[in-house]
Amino acid sequence: MANRLQERYNAEIKPVLETEFTKNKTLTAKLEKVVISVGAGEAMKDTKLMQNIQDTISLIAGQHAVQIIAKKSVAGFKVREGMPVGVKVTLRGENMYAFVDKLCSVALPRVKDFLGLDRNGFDGRGNFNFGLN
């Protein structure tokens, strides 16, 4: 069962994008994946806090989160190779559309003093990044 954002995209938005903006249907803008990531910072030394972050992100995403480990040692940040440094979840398909729908309709409007997302979040390759505290 498709959710309301996916149905609206397929019924209303996609046909307009295909006719007005692109000649090639494969170049139509679409969501491929959503990555939710959390950098642990000070929490990397505390395993209980890392597990708490992982459980929280898993609960938010509705999908199991994985810990990210450091690939290289960085003396300035006191990070050693193999230490957990963050948590991430990659969402695709229905989970992705459900998450984006809830983010845009429930979570972002409740952010205090929310003035919209920054246009500078686009990186020129079609990716969009923004951060929340």
N, C-alpha and C. Protein backbone atom coordinates (compact mmCIF):
# COMPACT_ATOMS: atom_id res chain seq x y z
N MET A 1 0.84 -1.18 0.00
CA MET A 1 0.00 0.00 0.00
C MET A 1 0.88 1.25 0.00
N ALA A 2 0.70 2.09 -0.98
CA ALA A 2 1.48 3.31 -1.08
C ALA A 2 0.91 4.38 -0.15
N ASN A 3 1.77 5.20 0.39
CA ASN A 3 1.28 6.26 1.27
C ASN A 3 0.92 7.49 0.46
N ARG A 4 0.41 8.51 1.16
CA ARG A 4 -0.18 9.65 0.45
C ARG A 4 0.84 10.49 -0.33
N LEU A 5 2.07 10.61 0.15
CA LEU A 5 3.08 11.37 -0.58
C LEU A 5 3.44 10.67 -1.88
N GLN A 6 3.61 9.35 -1.83
CA GLN A 6 3.96 8.58 -3.02
C GLN A 6 2.82 8.62 -4.03
N GLU A 7 1.58 8.50 -3.57
CA GLU A 7 0.43 8.57 -4.47
C GLU A 7 0.32 9.94 -5.13
N ARG A 8 0.54 11.00 -4.33
CA ARG A 8 0.46 12.36 -4.88
C ARG A 8 1.57 12.59 -5.90
N TYR A 9 2.78 12.11 -5.61
CA TYR A 9 3.89 12.26 -6.54
C TYR A 9 3.57 11.57 -7.87
N ASN A 10 3.10 10.32 -7.80
CA ASN A 10 2.82 9.56 -9.03
C ASN A 10 1.64 10.13 -9.80
N ALA A 11 0.61 10.64 -9.11
CA ALA A 11 -0.61 11.10 -9.78
C ALA A 11 -0.50 12.54 -10.28
N GLU A 12 0.07 13.44 -9.47
CA GLU A 12 0.04 14.87 -9.81
C GLU A 12 1.39 15.44 -10.23
N ILE A 13 2.41 15.17 -9.46
CA ILE A 13 3.69 15.86 -9.64
C ILE A 13 4.49 15.29 -10.81
N LYS A 14 4.60 13.98 -10.87
CA LYS A 14 5.43 13.34 -11.90
C LYS A 14 4.96 13.67 -13.33
N PRO A 15 3.65 13.61 -13.65
CA PRO A 15 3.23 13.97 -15.02
C PRO A 15 3.57 15.41 -15.40
N VAL A 16 3.46 16.33 -14.44
CA VAL A 16 3.78 17.73 -14.73
C VAL A 16 5.27 17.88 -14.99
N LEU A 17 6.10 17.23 -14.17
CA LEU A 17 7.55 17.30 -14.37
C LEU A 17 7.95 16.70 -15.72
N GLU A 18 7.31 15.60 -16.11
CA GLU A 18 7.67 14.94 -17.37
C GLU A 18 7.28 15.77 -18.58
N THR A 19 6.14 16.47 -18.52
CA THR A 19 5.69 17.23 -19.68
C THR A 19 6.33 18.61 -19.78
N GLU A 20 6.48 19.29 -18.65
CA GLU A 20 6.93 20.68 -18.70
C GLU A 20 8.45 20.86 -18.67
N PHE A 21 9.15 20.02 -17.92
CA PHE A 21 10.56 20.31 -17.67
C PHE A 21 11.54 19.42 -18.41
N THR A 22 11.20 18.18 -18.69
CA THR A 22 12.17 17.30 -19.32
C THR A 22 11.57 16.61 -20.54
N LYS A 23 12.41 16.40 -21.51
CA LYS A 23 12.00 15.63 -22.69
C LYS A 23 12.19 14.14 -22.42
N ASN A 24 13.18 13.81 -21.59
CA ASN A 24 13.50 12.42 -21.29
C ASN A 24 12.87 12.04 -19.95
N LYS A 25 12.04 11.01 -19.93
CA LYS A 25 11.33 10.63 -18.71
C LYS A 25 12.26 10.09 -17.63
N THR A 26 13.41 9.58 -18.01
CA THR A 26 14.33 9.05 -17.01
C THR A 26 15.05 10.16 -16.24
N LEU A 27 14.99 11.40 -16.75
CA LEU A 27 15.62 12.53 -16.08
C LEU A 27 14.67 13.24 -15.11
N THR A 28 13.48 12.71 -14.92
CA THR A 28 12.51 13.32 -14.02
C THR A 28 13.02 13.25 -12.58
N ALA A 29 12.86 14.35 -11.85
CA ALA A 29 13.30 14.40 -10.45
C ALA A 29 12.49 13.43 -9.61
N LYS A 30 13.19 12.68 -8.74
CA LYS A 30 12.51 11.74 -7.86
C LYS A 30 13.37 11.50 -6.63
N LEU A 31 12.75 10.97 -5.59
CA LEU A 31 13.49 10.58 -4.40
C LEU A 31 14.03 9.18 -4.60
N GLU A 32 15.32 8.98 -4.37
CA GLU A 32 15.91 7.66 -4.46
C GLU A 32 16.12 7.05 -3.08
N LYS A 33 16.69 7.85 -2.18
CA LYS A 33 16.93 7.35 -0.83
C LYS A 33 17.03 8.52 0.13
N VAL A 34 16.78 8.22 1.40
CA VAL A 34 16.92 9.18 2.48
C VAL A 34 17.87 8.56 3.48
N VAL A 35 18.92 9.29 3.84
CA VAL A 35 19.89 8.81 4.82
C VAL A 35 19.76 9.67 6.07
N ILE A 36 19.49 9.03 7.19
CA ILE A 36 19.44 9.72 8.47
C ILE A 36 20.72 9.36 9.20
N SER A 37 21.54 10.36 9.52
CA SER A 37 22.80 10.07 10.18
C SER A 37 22.98 10.97 11.40
N VAL A 38 23.64 10.42 12.41
CA VAL A 38 23.93 11.13 13.65
C VAL A 38 25.40 10.95 13.96
N GLY A 39 26.13 12.05 14.07
CA GLY A 39 27.51 11.98 14.52
C GLY A 39 27.53 11.97 16.03
N ALA A 40 28.26 11.04 16.62
CA ALA A 40 28.19 10.85 18.06
C ALA A 40 29.01 11.87 18.83
N GLY A 41 30.12 12.32 18.32
CA GLY A 41 30.94 13.29 19.03
C GLY A 41 31.48 12.74 20.34
N GLU A 42 31.06 13.33 21.45
CA GLU A 42 31.54 12.91 22.77
C GLU A 42 31.03 11.52 23.15
N ALA A 43 29.94 11.06 22.52
CA ALA A 43 29.32 9.80 22.92
C ALA A 43 30.10 8.58 22.45
N MET A 44 31.14 8.76 21.65
CA MET A 44 31.83 7.59 21.09
C MET A 44 32.58 6.78 22.14
N LYS A 45 32.88 7.38 23.28
CA LYS A 45 33.57 6.65 24.34
C LYS A 45 32.60 5.88 25.23
N ASP A 46 31.32 6.28 25.23
CA ASP A 46 30.31 5.67 26.09
C ASP A 46 29.44 4.73 25.25
N THR A 47 29.57 3.42 25.46
CA THR A 47 28.84 2.44 24.65
C THR A 47 27.34 2.48 24.92
N LYS A 48 26.95 2.77 26.17
CA LYS A 48 25.51 2.84 26.48
C LYS A 48 24.85 4.00 25.76
N LEU A 49 25.54 5.13 25.70
CA LEU A 49 24.99 6.29 25.01
C LEU A 49 24.91 6.04 23.50
N MET A 50 25.92 5.38 22.95
CA MET A 50 25.88 5.02 21.52
C MET A 50 24.70 4.09 21.23
N GLN A 51 24.48 3.12 22.11
CA GLN A 51 23.36 2.19 21.94
C GLN A 51 22.03 2.94 22.05
N ASN A 52 21.96 3.92 22.95
CA ASN A 52 20.75 4.72 23.11
C ASN A 52 20.47 5.54 21.84
N ILE A 53 21.52 6.12 21.26
CA ILE A 53 21.38 6.88 20.01
C ILE A 53 20.90 5.95 18.90
N GLN A 54 21.48 4.76 18.83
CA GLN A 54 21.11 3.79 17.79
C GLN A 54 19.65 3.36 17.94
N ASP A 55 19.22 3.11 19.16
CA ASP A 55 17.82 2.73 19.40
C ASP A 55 16.86 3.85 19.05
N THR A 56 17.24 5.08 19.38
CA THR A 56 16.38 6.23 19.09
C THR A 56 16.23 6.43 17.59
N ILE A 57 17.33 6.37 16.85
CA ILE A 57 17.27 6.55 15.40
C ILE A 57 16.49 5.40 14.75
N SER A 58 16.65 4.20 15.27
CA SER A 58 15.88 3.06 14.76
C SER A 58 14.40 3.27 14.97
N LEU A 59 14.03 3.82 16.12
CA LEU A 59 12.63 4.08 16.42
C LEU A 59 12.07 5.16 15.51
N ILE A 60 12.84 6.20 15.27
CA ILE A 60 12.41 7.30 14.39
C ILE A 60 12.22 6.81 12.96
N ALA A 61 13.17 6.01 12.48
CA ALA A 61 13.15 5.58 11.08
C ALA A 61 12.25 4.38 10.84
N GLY A 62 12.00 3.59 11.89
CA GLY A 62 11.22 2.38 11.71
C GLY A 62 12.02 1.28 11.04
N GLN A 63 13.32 1.36 11.16
CA GLN A 63 14.23 0.42 10.52
C GLN A 63 15.51 0.38 11.34
N HIS A 64 16.19 -0.76 11.35
CA HIS A 64 17.38 -0.92 12.18
C HIS A 64 18.50 0.02 11.74
N ALA A 65 19.10 0.71 12.71
CA ALA A 65 20.22 1.62 12.44
C ALA A 65 21.54 0.88 12.64
N VAL A 66 22.56 1.29 11.90
CA VAL A 66 23.88 0.68 12.02
C VAL A 66 24.88 1.69 12.56
N GLN A 67 25.82 1.19 13.36
CA GLN A 67 26.88 2.05 13.87
C GLN A 67 27.93 2.23 12.79
N ILE A 68 28.46 3.45 12.71
CA ILE A 68 29.53 3.77 11.77
C ILE A 68 30.83 3.77 12.55
N ILE A 69 31.81 3.06 12.04
CA ILE A 69 33.11 3.02 12.71
C ILE A 69 34.13 3.85 11.94
N ALA A 70 35.11 4.36 12.65
CA ALA A 70 36.14 5.20 12.04
C ALA A 70 37.02 4.36 11.12
N LYS A 71 37.27 4.86 9.93
CA LYS A 71 38.13 4.16 8.98
C LYS A 71 39.60 4.49 9.21
N LYS A 72 39.85 5.69 9.74
CA LYS A 72 41.22 6.13 9.99
C LYS A 72 41.33 6.70 11.40
N SER A 73 42.50 6.66 11.94
CA SER A 73 42.77 7.32 13.22
C SER A 73 43.03 8.81 12.97
N VAL A 74 42.45 9.66 13.82
CA VAL A 74 42.67 11.10 13.73
C VAL A 74 43.06 11.58 15.13
N ALA A 75 44.33 11.90 15.30
CA ALA A 75 44.84 12.26 16.62
C ALA A 75 44.21 13.54 17.15
N GLY A 76 43.94 14.49 16.29
CA GLY A 76 43.36 15.76 16.72
C GLY A 76 41.98 15.62 17.34
N PHE A 77 41.23 14.62 16.89
CA PHE A 77 39.89 14.38 17.43
C PHE A 77 39.87 13.24 18.45
N LYS A 78 41.05 12.68 18.77
CA LYS A 78 41.18 11.55 19.69
C LYS A 78 40.33 10.36 19.24
N VAL A 79 40.38 10.08 17.93
CA VAL A 79 39.64 8.97 17.34
C VAL A 79 40.62 7.93 16.85
N ARG A 80 40.37 6.70 17.19
CA ARG A 80 41.20 5.59 16.72
C ARG A 80 40.44 4.77 15.70
N GLU A 81 41.17 4.12 14.81
CA GLU A 81 40.56 3.27 13.79
C GLU A 81 39.72 2.18 14.45
N GLY A 82 38.48 2.02 13.99
CA GLY A 82 37.60 1.00 14.53
C GLY A 82 36.68 1.48 15.64
N MET A 83 36.84 2.70 16.11
CA MET A 83 35.96 3.24 17.14
C MET A 83 34.62 3.63 16.52
N PRO A 84 33.50 3.42 17.23
CA PRO A 84 32.21 3.88 16.70
C PRO A 84 32.14 5.41 16.76
N VAL A 85 31.79 6.04 15.65
CA VAL A 85 31.75 7.50 15.58
C VAL A 85 30.36 8.05 15.24
N GLY A 86 29.42 7.19 14.88
CA GLY A 86 28.09 7.67 14.54
C GLY A 86 27.14 6.53 14.25
N VAL A 87 25.92 6.93 13.85
CA VAL A 87 24.85 5.98 13.55
C VAL A 87 24.16 6.46 12.28
N LYS A 88 23.75 5.53 11.41
CA LYS A 88 23.02 5.93 10.21
C LYS A 88 21.98 4.89 9.82
N VAL A 89 20.98 5.36 9.09
CA VAL A 89 19.93 4.51 8.52
C VAL A 89 19.70 4.99 7.10
N THR A 90 19.59 4.07 6.15
CA THR A 90 19.26 4.40 4.77
C THR A 90 17.86 3.90 4.48
N LEU A 91 16.98 4.81 4.08
CA LEU A 91 15.59 4.46 3.79
C LEU A 91 15.36 4.52 2.29
N ARG A 92 14.65 3.53 1.77
CA ARG A 92 14.27 3.50 0.36
C ARG A 92 12.84 3.04 0.25
N GLY A 93 12.21 3.30 -0.90
CA GLY A 93 10.87 2.79 -1.17
C GLY A 93 9.82 3.38 -0.25
N GLU A 94 8.90 2.53 0.23
CA GLU A 94 7.78 3.00 1.03
C GLU A 94 8.21 3.61 2.35
N ASN A 95 9.22 3.03 2.99
CA ASN A 95 9.71 3.60 4.25
C ASN A 95 10.21 5.02 4.04
N MET A 96 10.86 5.26 2.92
CA MET A 96 11.39 6.59 2.61
C MET A 96 10.25 7.59 2.44
N TYR A 97 9.24 7.24 1.64
CA TYR A 97 8.12 8.15 1.42
C TYR A 97 7.35 8.41 2.71
N ALA A 98 7.17 7.39 3.54
CA ALA A 98 6.47 7.57 4.82
C ALA A 98 7.25 8.50 5.72
N PHE A 99 8.58 8.35 5.76
CA PHE A 99 9.41 9.22 6.60
C PHE A 99 9.36 10.66 6.12
N VAL A 100 9.51 10.89 4.82
CA VAL A 100 9.51 12.26 4.29
C VAL A 100 8.15 12.92 4.51
N ASP A 101 7.07 12.15 4.35
CA ASP A 101 5.73 12.68 4.58
C ASP A 101 5.57 13.12 6.04
N LYS A 102 6.00 12.29 6.98
CA LYS A 102 5.89 12.64 8.40
C LYS A 102 6.83 13.79 8.75
N LEU A 103 8.00 13.82 8.15
CA LEU A 103 8.95 14.91 8.41
C LEU A 103 8.37 16.25 7.98
N CYS A 104 7.79 16.30 6.78
CA CYS A 104 7.28 17.56 6.24
C CYS A 104 5.96 17.99 6.85
N SER A 105 5.11 17.03 7.23
CA SER A 105 3.79 17.40 7.72
C SER A 105 3.68 17.44 9.24
N VAL A 106 4.57 16.74 9.96
CA VAL A 106 4.46 16.70 11.41
C VAL A 106 5.68 17.31 12.10
N ALA A 107 6.87 16.84 11.78
CA ALA A 107 8.06 17.21 12.55
C ALA A 107 8.54 18.64 12.28
N LEU A 108 8.74 19.00 11.02
CA LEU A 108 9.29 20.32 10.71
C LEU A 108 8.37 21.47 11.13
N PRO A 109 7.04 21.38 10.96
CA PRO A 109 6.20 22.48 11.43
C PRO A 109 6.25 22.70 12.95
N ARG A 110 6.68 21.68 13.70
CA ARG A 110 6.75 21.81 15.15
C ARG A 110 8.09 22.33 15.64
N VAL A 111 9.04 22.53 14.75
CA VAL A 111 10.33 23.09 15.14
C VAL A 111 10.12 24.55 15.51
N LYS A 112 10.65 24.94 16.66
CA LYS A 112 10.46 26.31 17.16
C LYS A 112 11.13 27.30 16.21
N ASP A 113 10.42 28.36 15.86
CA ASP A 113 10.90 29.42 14.97
C ASP A 113 11.34 28.87 13.61
N PHE A 114 10.58 27.91 13.06
CA PHE A 114 10.94 27.31 11.77
C PHE A 114 10.63 28.28 10.64
N LEU A 115 11.64 28.58 9.83
CA LEU A 115 11.49 29.53 8.73
C LEU A 115 11.69 28.86 7.38
N GLY A 116 11.66 27.55 7.32
CA GLY A 116 11.87 26.84 6.07
C GLY A 116 13.26 26.25 6.00
N LEU A 117 13.49 25.46 4.97
CA LEU A 117 14.79 24.82 4.78
C LEU A 117 15.66 25.71 3.91
N ASP A 118 16.95 25.67 4.14
CA ASP A 118 17.90 26.52 3.44
C ASP A 118 18.12 26.04 2.01
N ARG A 119 18.06 26.95 1.05
CA ARG A 119 18.31 26.60 -0.35
C ARG A 119 19.75 26.18 -0.60
N ASN A 120 20.67 26.62 0.26
CA ASN A 120 22.07 26.27 0.10
C ASN A 120 22.34 24.81 0.45
N GLY A 121 21.32 24.07 0.83
CA GLY A 121 21.48 22.66 1.16
C GLY A 121 21.71 21.79 -0.07
N PHE A 122 21.44 22.32 -1.27
CA PHE A 122 21.67 21.55 -2.50
C PHE A 122 23.15 21.60 -2.87
N ASP A 123 23.69 20.46 -3.29
CA ASP A 123 25.12 20.39 -3.55
C ASP A 123 25.48 20.44 -5.03
N GLY A 124 24.51 20.64 -5.92
CA GLY A 124 24.81 20.72 -7.35
C GLY A 124 24.73 19.38 -8.05
N ARG A 125 24.56 18.30 -7.31
CA ARG A 125 24.43 16.97 -7.90
C ARG A 125 23.06 16.37 -7.62
N GLY A 126 22.14 17.20 -7.14
CA GLY A 126 20.79 16.72 -6.86
C GLY A 126 20.59 16.22 -5.44
N ASN A 127 21.59 16.37 -4.59
CA ASN A 127 21.46 15.95 -3.19
C ASN A 127 21.09 17.15 -2.34
N PHE A 128 20.30 16.91 -1.32
CA PHE A 128 19.89 17.97 -0.40
C PHE A 128 20.21 17.56 1.02
N ASN A 129 20.89 18.43 1.77
CA ASN A 129 21.28 18.16 3.14
C ASN A 129 20.76 19.26 4.05
N PHE A 130 20.29 18.85 5.22
CA PHE A 130 19.95 19.82 6.26
C PHE A 130 20.12 19.16 7.61
N GLY A 131 20.32 19.97 8.62
CA GLY A 131 20.55 19.44 9.95
C GLY A 131 19.54 19.92 10.94
N LEU A 132 19.29 19.11 11.96
CA LEU A 132 18.40 19.46 13.07
C LEU A 132 19.15 19.23 14.36
N ASN A 133 18.84 20.03 15.37
CA ASN A 133 19.42 19.83 16.69
C ASN A 133 18.41 19.12 17.57
